[in-house]
Protein backbone atom coordinates (compact mmCIF):
# COMPACT_ATOMS: atom_id res chain seq x y z
CA MET A 1 11.81 50.58 82.20
CA LYS A 2 9.85 53.33 80.42
CA LYS A 3 12.40 53.34 77.59
CA GLY A 4 11.89 49.59 77.09
CA ILE A 5 8.13 49.96 76.87
CA LEU A 6 8.46 52.86 74.41
CA ILE A 7 10.87 50.89 72.21
CA LEU A 8 8.57 47.87 72.26
CA ALA A 9 5.57 50.03 71.36
CA GLY A 10 7.55 51.61 68.50
CA VAL A 11 8.54 48.21 67.08
CA PHE A 12 4.93 47.02 67.31
CA ALA A 13 3.66 50.16 65.54
CA MET A 14 6.19 49.82 62.71
CA THR A 15 5.31 46.15 62.24
CA PHE A 16 1.60 46.93 62.13
CA VAL A 17 2.02 49.80 59.64
CA SER A 18 4.42 47.93 57.32
CA CYS A 19 1.87 45.11 56.77
CA LYS A 20 -0.89 47.36 55.51
CA ASP A 21 -0.61 46.19 51.85
CA LYS A 22 -3.05 43.45 50.91
CA ALA A 23 -1.03 40.26 50.63
CA ALA A 24 -3.73 38.48 48.61
CA GLU A 25 -3.22 40.92 45.74
CA LYS A 26 0.45 39.98 45.50
CA VAL A 27 -0.18 36.24 44.94
CA ASN A 28 0.56 35.05 41.42
CA GLU A 29 -2.21 32.64 40.28
CA GLU A 30 0.25 30.65 38.15
CA ASN A 31 2.38 29.94 41.21
CA VAL A 32 -0.71 28.78 43.12
CA GLU A 33 -1.49 26.25 40.36
CA ILE A 34 2.10 24.99 40.28
CA ALA A 35 2.12 24.57 44.07
CA ALA A 36 -1.21 22.73 44.01
CA ASP A 37 0.07 20.33 41.33
CA ARG A 38 3.28 19.73 43.31
CA ASP A 39 1.34 19.09 46.51
CA ALA A 40 -0.98 16.63 44.75
CA LYS A 41 2.02 14.66 43.45
CA SER A 42 3.66 14.61 46.89
CA THR A 43 1.08 12.03 47.98
CA ASP A 44 2.17 9.64 45.21
CA PHE A 45 4.53 7.27 47.01
CA PRO A 46 6.05 4.02 45.82
CA VAL A 47 4.69 0.92 47.57
CA MET A 48 7.03 -2.02 48.19
CA GLN A 49 4.76 -5.09 47.98
CA PHE A 50 6.58 -8.33 48.87
CA SER A 51 5.33 -11.75 47.73
CA GLU A 52 6.44 -12.89 51.22
CA THR A 53 7.85 -10.93 54.16
CA GLU A 54 9.19 -13.93 56.09
CA HIS A 55 11.19 -17.00 55.04
CA ASP A 56 11.91 -20.12 57.11
CA PHE A 57 15.08 -21.99 56.15
CA GLY A 58 13.97 -24.90 58.33
CA ASN A 59 16.72 -27.05 59.92
CA ILE A 60 20.27 -26.18 58.92
CA ASN A 61 23.66 -27.11 60.37
CA GLU A 62 25.79 -24.65 62.28
CA GLY A 63 28.29 -23.15 59.85
CA ASP A 64 25.97 -23.33 56.82
CA VAL A 65 25.56 -20.16 54.75
CA VAL A 66 22.07 -19.99 53.25
CA GLU A 67 20.37 -17.36 51.13
CA HIS A 68 16.89 -16.43 49.96
CA LYS A 69 15.56 -13.97 47.39
CA PHE A 70 12.59 -11.87 48.48
CA ALA A 71 10.66 -10.77 45.38
CA PHE A 72 8.79 -7.46 45.48
CA THR A 73 6.75 -5.24 43.18
CA ASN A 74 6.45 -1.46 43.23
CA THR A 75 2.66 -1.11 43.31
CA GLY A 76 2.83 2.64 43.93
CA LYS A 77 2.71 5.61 41.57
CA ALA A 78 6.33 6.77 41.87
CA PRO A 79 9.74 5.13 41.29
CA LEU A 80 10.96 3.11 44.29
CA VAL A 81 14.46 3.98 45.53
CA ILE A 82 16.02 1.71 48.15
CA VAL A 83 18.51 3.77 50.14
CA SER A 84 19.83 0.98 52.37
CA ALA A 85 19.07 -2.41 53.88
CA LYS A 86 20.58 -3.62 57.16
CA GLY A 87 20.44 -6.97 58.91
CA SER A 88 19.74 -7.18 62.63
CA CYS A 89 23.22 -8.63 63.12
CA GLY A 90 26.41 -9.17 61.13
CA CYS A 91 25.37 -12.72 60.23
CA THR A 92 22.51 -11.41 58.04
CA VAL A 93 23.63 -9.61 54.89
CA PRO A 94 21.14 -8.15 52.37
CA GLU A 95 21.83 -7.18 48.74
CA TRP A 96 19.36 -4.86 46.99
CA PRO A 97 18.95 -3.22 43.58
CA LYS A 98 20.70 0.15 43.43
CA GLN A 99 18.68 1.52 40.50
CA PRO A 100 15.11 2.89 40.95
CA ILE A 101 12.26 0.41 40.47
CA ALA A 102 9.57 1.90 38.21
CA PRO A 103 5.88 1.69 39.16
CA GLY A 104 4.63 -1.81 38.25
CA ALA A 105 8.16 -3.22 37.98
CA THR A 106 9.59 -5.99 40.14
CA GLY A 107 12.85 -6.43 42.01
CA GLU A 108 14.62 -8.85 44.34
CA MET A 109 16.28 -8.50 47.72
CA LEU A 110 18.86 -11.25 48.37
CA VAL A 111 19.39 -12.08 52.05
CA LYS A 112 22.35 -14.25 53.11
CA PHE A 113 22.51 -15.83 56.58
CA ASN A 114 25.73 -17.27 58.05
CA SER A 115 24.89 -19.70 60.86
CA SER A 116 28.44 -19.95 62.27
CA GLY A 117 28.28 -19.52 66.03
CA LYS A 118 24.48 -19.27 65.94
CA PRO A 119 23.08 -22.53 67.39
CA ASN A 120 19.38 -23.14 68.10
CA GLN A 121 16.39 -21.09 66.86
CA GLN A 122 17.38 -17.94 64.97
CA ILE A 123 15.04 -15.14 63.87
CA LYS A 124 16.66 -12.22 62.05
CA GLN A 125 15.22 -9.19 60.32
CA VAL A 126 16.30 -6.87 57.55
CA THR A 127 15.24 -3.22 57.80
CA ILE A 128 14.91 -1.57 54.41
CA THR A 129 15.11 2.21 54.15
CA ALA A 130 13.32 3.44 51.02
CA ASN A 131 11.26 6.36 49.73
CA THR A 132 7.98 4.65 50.65
CA GLU A 133 5.39 6.49 52.74
CA ALA A 134 6.50 4.69 55.93
CA GLY A 135 10.18 5.07 55.03
CA LYS A 136 11.07 1.65 56.46
CA GLU A 137 10.03 -1.86 55.45
CA ILE A 138 10.93 -5.09 57.30
CA ILE A 139 11.45 -8.66 56.10
CA LYS A 140 12.41 -11.63 58.30
CA ILE A 141 14.26 -14.91 58.09
CA LYS A 142 14.35 -17.76 60.56
CA ALA A 143 16.12 -21.09 60.92
CA MET A 144 16.64 -23.87 63.42
CA VAL A 145 20.41 -24.26 63.57
CA THR A 146 21.70 -27.67 64.67
CA PRO A 147 24.82 -27.12 66.80
CA LYS A 148 28.11 -28.72 65.79
CA ALA A 149 29.00 -31.84 67.76
CA LYS A 150 31.52 -31.03 70.46
CA PRO A 151 34.27 -33.49 71.34
CA ALA A 152 33.53 -35.42 74.50
CA SER A 153 35.69 -34.36 77.41
CA GLY A 154 37.35 -36.82 79.77
CA THR A 155 38.22 -39.39 77.12
CA PRO A 156 41.45 -41.23 77.81
CA VAL A 157 44.46 -40.03 75.92
CA SER A 158 46.47 -42.81 74.28
CA GLU A 159 50.24 -42.64 74.40
């Protein structure tokens, strides 16, 4: 037990003695300016501003494949890079620009919706992963899908 306390005291003493040089004198002013400039720029994020964040296809028939282009503008101060875009289910497929969108430039996100097997009211979302401050943006589509007519059961079979 005494050995442990002595070893701990020795480590503490060596740590205290080895830090006696003034750290402030070792700082290079040029590096401080570079770090300050870098930190100031780190707050410059792209901003993905959509002209609309939701689109209603209205009434469509089951089995229809519809699509809509969501227009957006990068209103931020840095290039916008869209990493991925995913629909809330396999029936909703987004297509996005792969190249960076410069500040002030516009782009389009195409969203396709396949209504097969999706009767009644449908509301789907697309989650966009990008280098914006939030990191995720969301757009939505909706449609009232009219079900396909089903054959009536119990009808007589002719021979």
